[in-house]
Protein backbone atom coordinates (compact mmCIF):
# COMPACT_ATOMS: atom_id res chain seq x y z
CA MET A 1 95.96 183.41 -37.13
CA LYS A 2 96.32 183.65 -33.37
CA LEU A 3 94.04 184.51 -30.47
CA VAL A 4 95.94 186.42 -27.80
CA SER A 5 94.28 186.50 -24.38
CA ALA A 6 95.82 188.71 -21.72
CA ILE A 7 94.71 188.82 -18.10
CA VAL A 8 95.77 192.21 -16.72
CA ARG A 9 95.12 194.58 -13.84
CA PRO A 10 92.01 196.74 -14.40
CA SER A 11 94.14 199.86 -13.97
CA LYS A 12 96.27 198.79 -16.96
CA LEU A 13 93.43 198.25 -19.45
CA ASP A 14 93.72 201.64 -21.16
CA ASP A 15 97.51 201.28 -21.47
CA VAL A 16 97.13 197.83 -23.06
CA LEU A 17 94.48 198.99 -25.53
CA GLU A 18 96.60 202.02 -26.53
CA ALA A 19 99.64 199.79 -27.04
CA LEU A 20 97.64 197.40 -29.25
CA SER A 21 96.24 200.27 -31.30
CA ALA A 22 99.73 201.74 -31.76
CA ILE A 23 100.98 198.56 -33.49
CA GLY A 24 97.97 198.27 -35.78
CA VAL A 25 95.66 195.86 -33.98
CA LYS A 26 92.18 196.67 -35.27
CA GLY A 27 89.99 195.26 -32.50
CA ALA A 28 89.91 193.74 -29.04
CA THR A 29 87.37 192.55 -26.51
CA ALA A 30 87.71 193.33 -22.80
CA THR A 31 85.87 191.33 -20.15
CA GLU A 32 85.85 191.83 -16.38
CA VAL A 33 86.95 188.57 -14.76
CA LYS A 34 87.99 187.28 -11.34
CA GLY A 35 90.64 184.73 -10.56
CA PHE A 36 93.79 183.95 -8.68
CA GLY A 37 97.31 182.77 -9.29
CA ARG A 38 100.34 183.46 -7.18
CA GLN A 39 98.63 186.58 -5.89
CA VAL A 40 96.06 184.20 -4.28
CA GLY A 41 93.90 186.92 -2.79
CA HIS A 42 93.94 189.32 0.08
CA GLY A 43 92.30 189.94 3.43
CA GLU A 44 89.62 192.58 3.86
CA VAL A 45 87.61 193.90 6.76
CA TYR A 46 83.86 194.37 6.37
CA ARG A 47 81.83 195.69 9.31
CA GLY A 48 84.56 194.71 11.69
CA ALA A 49 84.89 191.12 10.48
CA GLU A 50 87.98 189.96 8.62
CA TYR A 51 87.61 187.65 5.66
CA GLU A 52 89.76 186.35 2.81
CA VAL A 53 89.00 187.44 -0.75
CA THR A 54 90.05 184.47 -2.89
CA PHE A 55 89.34 185.83 -6.35
CA VAL A 56 91.05 189.02 -7.45
CA PRO A 57 89.37 191.30 -10.03
CA LYS A 58 91.17 191.39 -13.39
CA VAL A 59 90.40 192.27 -17.01
CA LYS A 60 90.74 189.78 -19.86
CA VAL A 61 91.66 191.31 -23.22
CA ASP A 62 91.18 189.09 -26.28
CA THR A 63 92.36 189.96 -29.75
CA ALA A 64 92.54 187.92 -32.95
CA ILE A 65 95.62 188.74 -35.01
CA PRO A 66 97.53 187.58 -38.08
CA ASP A 67 100.57 185.41 -37.27
CA LYS A 68 103.01 188.14 -38.34
CA LEU A 69 101.92 190.46 -35.48
CA LEU A 70 102.34 187.90 -32.68
CA GLY A 71 105.75 189.01 -31.43
CA GLN A 72 104.80 192.69 -31.49
CA VAL A 73 101.52 192.04 -29.65
CA ILE A 74 103.17 190.02 -26.89
CA ALA A 75 105.87 192.67 -26.43
CA ALA A 76 103.38 195.56 -26.46
CA VAL A 77 100.96 193.95 -24.00
CA GLY A 78 103.78 192.83 -21.72
CA LYS A 79 105.32 196.29 -21.61
CA ALA A 80 101.99 198.10 -21.15
CA ALA A 81 100.68 195.78 -18.40
CA ARG A 82 103.89 195.32 -16.39
CA THR A 83 104.24 196.92 -12.97
CA GLY A 84 106.88 194.51 -11.70
CA LYS A 85 104.69 193.36 -8.82
CA ILE A 86 102.96 190.05 -8.26
CA GLY A 87 99.56 189.97 -9.96
CA ASP A 88 100.55 191.62 -13.26
CA GLY A 89 98.79 188.83 -15.15
CA LYS A 90 99.38 186.42 -18.01
CA ILE A 91 99.41 186.32 -21.80
CA VAL A 92 98.13 183.15 -23.47
CA VAL A 93 98.29 182.47 -27.21
CA SER A 94 96.00 180.04 -29.07
CA THR A 95 95.86 179.08 -32.71
CA LEU A 96 92.69 180.10 -34.57
CA GLU A 97 91.46 177.75 -37.24
CA GLN A 98 88.96 180.11 -38.83
CA ALA A 99 87.43 183.56 -38.47
CA VAL A 100 84.34 184.90 -40.25
CA ARG A 101 83.08 188.48 -40.36
CA ILE A 102 79.32 188.03 -40.11
CA ARG A 103 78.35 191.25 -41.93
CA THR A 104 80.38 190.64 -45.09
CA GLY A 105 81.15 186.93 -45.03
CA GLU A 106 84.89 187.61 -45.23
CA THR A 107 86.99 184.79 -43.80
CA ASN A 108 90.26 184.30 -41.97
CA GLU A 109 92.74 187.21 -42.05
CA ALA A 110 90.40 189.35 -44.16
CA ALA A 111 87.84 189.01 -41.35
CA LEU A 112 90.24 190.33 -38.74
């Protein structure tokens, strides 16, 4: 089992969730986050004063999947989130040791 975490632009969240649903992913969690990478930040003006915004708003989408879906998930998220501009985000994959559905007690892939 894998945990796929994607940091994407907020405007791309619906596209990413639709792409995941289209390939059979049953669930995902979206969290509003802030961070920076190569995009670093941007300048803004507030009441006439300029200041640098270091952290850029993003959305983190997490989904636990069976190993067999990994390639499809990476391709779908990458295609749905891509604009071709700096700040499109990242996809990170981690190995899951165990998953448990609390309501039924199902474990591992049955819990996904």
